[in-house]
Amino acid sequence: MKAKREYRRRPDIEVRVLDALVDRSEDGMTVFELRSHVEAGIDELEDALANLKRDGLIEAGMESGRTLIRPDERVVPDPEEIDEEPSFVDKLIERLPL
């Protein structure tokens, strides 16, 4: 699952982080799990997480002795609103430079 459209006009690494977190929104992910899903260096991932946290798009909390990161509820699309195939407009928006 992907983050809502309005949160996709961010740097690529941040979008990949949001998409990975949305996919596991119930369970959350550790930094190590995120790093393997996003395939980014730790510095790049750290910057992306800091920006997303600053903008209130993610939250982190301790659970069973592990720090888990989850997307904010407003980033997660409603399952009923999810289109299987992106529209032509969605494809154009994704190609536009930031």
C-alpha atoms as a PDB file:
ATOM      1  CA  MET A   1       0.000   0.000   0.000  1.00  0.00           C
ATOM      2  CA  LYS A   2       1.184   3.524  -0.685  1.00  0.00           C
ATOM      3  CA  ALA A   3       0.866   6.724   1.296  1.00  0.00           C
ATOM      4  CA  LYS A   4      -1.945   9.083   0.322  1.00  0.00           C
ATOM      5  CA  ARG A   5      -1.390  11.112  -2.816  1.00  0.00           C
ATOM      6  CA  GLU A   6      -1.024  14.428  -0.985  1.00  0.00           C
ATOM      7  CA  TYR A   7       2.066  13.088   0.815  1.00  0.00           C
ATOM      8  CA  ARG A   8       3.834  11.849  -2.311  1.00  0.00           C
ATOM      9  CA  ARG A   9       5.263  15.224  -3.383  1.00  0.00           C
ATOM     10  CA  ARG A  10       8.270  14.888  -1.108  1.00  0.00           C
ATOM     11  CA  PRO A  11      11.845  13.776  -1.725  1.00  0.00           C
ATOM     12  CA  ASP A  12      12.037  10.196  -3.025  1.00  0.00           C
ATOM     13  CA  ILE A  13      13.578   8.754   0.150  1.00  0.00           C
ATOM     14  CA  GLU A  14      10.773  10.226   2.284  1.00  0.00           C
ATOM     15  CA  VAL A  15       8.098   8.775  -0.012  1.00  0.00           C
ATOM     16  CA  ARG A  16       9.776   5.357   0.125  1.00  0.00           C
ATOM     17  CA  VAL A  17       9.861   5.550   3.942  1.00  0.00           C
ATOM     18  CA  LEU A  18       6.186   6.541   4.111  1.00  0.00           C
ATOM     19  CA  ASP A  19       5.202   3.744   1.716  1.00  0.00           C
ATOM     20  CA  ALA A  20       7.105   1.156   3.760  1.00  0.00           C
ATOM     21  CA  LEU A  21       5.526   2.405   6.990  1.00  0.00           C
ATOM     22  CA  VAL A  22       2.022   2.494   5.503  1.00  0.00           C
ATOM     23  CA  ASP A  23       2.507  -1.112   4.441  1.00  0.00           C
ATOM     24  CA  ARG A  24       3.163  -2.042   8.078  1.00  0.00           C
ATOM     25  CA  SER A  25       1.149   0.690   9.792  1.00  0.00           C
ATOM     26  CA  GLU A  26      -0.320  -1.596  12.453  1.00  0.00           C
ATOM     27  CA  ASP A  27       2.945  -3.252  13.499  1.00  0.00           C
ATOM     28  CA  GLY A  28       5.363  -0.385  12.917  1.00  0.00           C
ATOM     29  CA  MET A  29       8.964  -0.832  11.864  1.00  0.00           C
ATOM     30  CA  THR A  30      12.361  -0.480  13.485  1.00  0.00           C
ATOM     31  CA  VAL A  31      15.037   1.662  11.844  1.00  0.00           C
ATOM     32  CA  PHE A  32      16.808  -1.523  10.725  1.00  0.00           C
ATOM     33  CA  GLU A  33      13.646  -2.902   9.117  1.00  0.00           C
ATOM     34  CA  LEU A  34      13.058   0.422   7.392  1.00  0.00           C
ATOM     35  CA  ARG A  35      16.623   0.520   6.153  1.00  0.00           C
ATOM     36  CA  SER A  36      16.256  -2.884   4.492  1.00  0.00           C
ATOM     37  CA  HIS A  37      12.919  -1.982   2.874  1.00  0.00           C
ATOM     38  CA  VAL A  38      13.964   1.457   1.677  1.00  0.00           C
ATOM     39  CA  GLU A  39      17.501   0.453   0.660  1.00  0.00           C
ATOM     40  CA  ALA A  40      19.132   3.660   1.850  1.00  0.00           C
ATOM     41  CA  GLY A  41      22.186   4.568   3.842  1.00  0.00           C
ATOM     42  CA  ILE A  42      21.743   5.284   7.524  1.00  0.00           C
ATOM     43  CA  ASP A  43      22.530   9.006   7.141  1.00  0.00           C
ATOM     44  CA  GLU A  44      20.039   9.420   4.317  1.00  0.00           C
ATOM     45  CA  LEU A  45      17.411   7.481   6.272  1.00  0.00           C
ATOM     46  CA  GLU A  46      18.096   9.486   9.419  1.00  0.00           C
ATOM     47  CA  ASP A  47      17.559  12.771   7.554  1.00  0.00           C
ATOM     48  CA  ALA A  48      14.327  11.491   6.001  1.00  0.00           C
ATOM     49  CA  LEU A  49      13.005  10.336   9.378  1.00  0.00           C
ATOM     50  CA  ALA A  50      13.891  13.684  10.959  1.00  0.00           C
ATOM     51  CA  ASN A  51      12.025  15.580   8.223  1.00  0.00           C
ATOM     52  CA  LEU A  52       8.972  13.318   8.445  1.00  0.00           C
ATOM     53  CA  LYS A  53       8.927  13.586  12.247  1.00  0.00           C
ATOM     54  CA  ARG A  54       9.269  17.384  12.081  1.00  0.00           C
ATOM     55  CA  ASP A  55       6.273  17.527   9.736  1.00  0.00           C
ATOM     56  CA  GLY A  56       4.213  15.238  11.998  1.00  0.00           C
ATOM     57  CA  LEU A  57       3.915  12.463   9.416  1.00  0.00           C
ATOM     58  CA  ILE A  58       5.456   9.723  11.571  1.00  0.00           C
ATOM     59  CA  GLU A  59       5.542   8.853  15.246  1.00  0.00           C
ATOM     60  CA  ALA A  60       7.960   6.717  17.213  1.00  0.00           C
ATOM     61  CA  GLY A  61       7.387   4.815  20.423  1.00  0.00           C
ATOM     62  CA  MET A  62       8.858   2.079  22.579  1.00  0.00           C
ATOM     63  CA  GLU A  63       7.260  -1.327  22.484  1.00  0.00           C
ATOM     64  CA  SER A  64       8.737  -4.489  23.985  1.00  0.00           C
ATOM     65  CA  GLY A  65      12.098  -2.756  24.348  1.00  0.00           C
ATOM     66  CA  ARG A  66      12.213  -1.724  20.676  1.00  0.00           C
ATOM     67  CA  THR A  67      11.654   1.654  19.077  1.00  0.00           C
ATOM     68  CA  LEU A  68       8.920   1.289  16.479  1.00  0.00           C
ATOM     69  CA  ILE A  69       8.095   3.909  13.892  1.00  0.00           C
ATOM     70  CA  ARG A  70       4.573   4.242  12.503  1.00  0.00           C
ATOM     71  CA  PRO A  71       2.968   6.597  10.003  1.00  0.00           C
ATOM     72  CA  ASP A  72       0.549   9.216  11.249  1.00  0.00           C
ATOM     73  CA  GLU A  73      -3.068   8.136  10.616  1.00  0.00           C
ATOM     74  CA  ARG A  74      -3.622  10.896   8.065  1.00  0.00           C
ATOM     75  CA  VAL A  75      -0.916   9.388   5.797  1.00  0.00           C
ATOM     76  CA  VAL A  76      -2.594   5.966   5.612  1.00  0.00           C
ATOM     77  CA  PRO A  77      -5.209   5.746   2.846  1.00  0.00           C
ATOM     78  CA  ASP A  78      -8.676   4.422   3.560  1.00  0.00           C
ATOM     79  CA  PRO A  79      -8.777   0.863   2.143  1.00  0.00           C
ATOM     80  CA  GLU A  80     -12.045   1.680   0.345  1.00  0.00           C
ATOM     81  CA  GLU A  81     -10.417   4.601  -1.497  1.00  0.00           C
ATOM     82  CA  ILE A  82      -7.426   2.665  -2.816  1.00  0.00           C
ATOM     83  CA  ASP A  83      -7.255   2.357  -6.589  1.00  0.00           C
ATOM     84  CA  GLU A  84      -5.452  -0.701  -7.871  1.00  0.00           C
ATOM     85  CA  GLU A  85      -4.105   1.123 -10.920  1.00  0.00           C
ATOM     86  CA  PRO A  86      -2.819   4.706 -10.585  1.00  0.00           C
ATOM     87  CA  SER A  87      -4.696   7.186 -12.738  1.00  0.00           C
ATOM     88  CA  PHE A  88      -3.106   9.079 -15.604  1.00  0.00           C
ATOM     89  CA  VAL A  89      -3.018  12.195 -13.408  1.00  0.00           C
ATOM     90  CA  ASP A  90      -1.299  10.274 -10.590  1.00  0.00           C
ATOM     91  CA  LYS A  91       1.374   9.105 -13.005  1.00  0.00           C
ATOM     92  CA  LEU A  92       1.937  12.671 -14.238  1.00  0.00           C
ATOM     93  CA  ILE A  93       2.191  14.048 -10.706  1.00  0.00           C
ATOM     94  CA  GLU A  94       4.792  11.442  -9.771  1.00  0.00           C
ATOM     95  CA  ARG A  95       6.931  12.468 -12.739  1.00  0.00           C
ATOM     96  CA  LEU A  96       6.877  16.185 -11.958  1.00  0.00           C
ATOM     97  CA  PRO A  97      10.066  17.498 -10.354  1.00  0.00           C
ATOM     98  CA  LEU A  98       9.808  18.785  -6.794  1.00  0.00           C
END
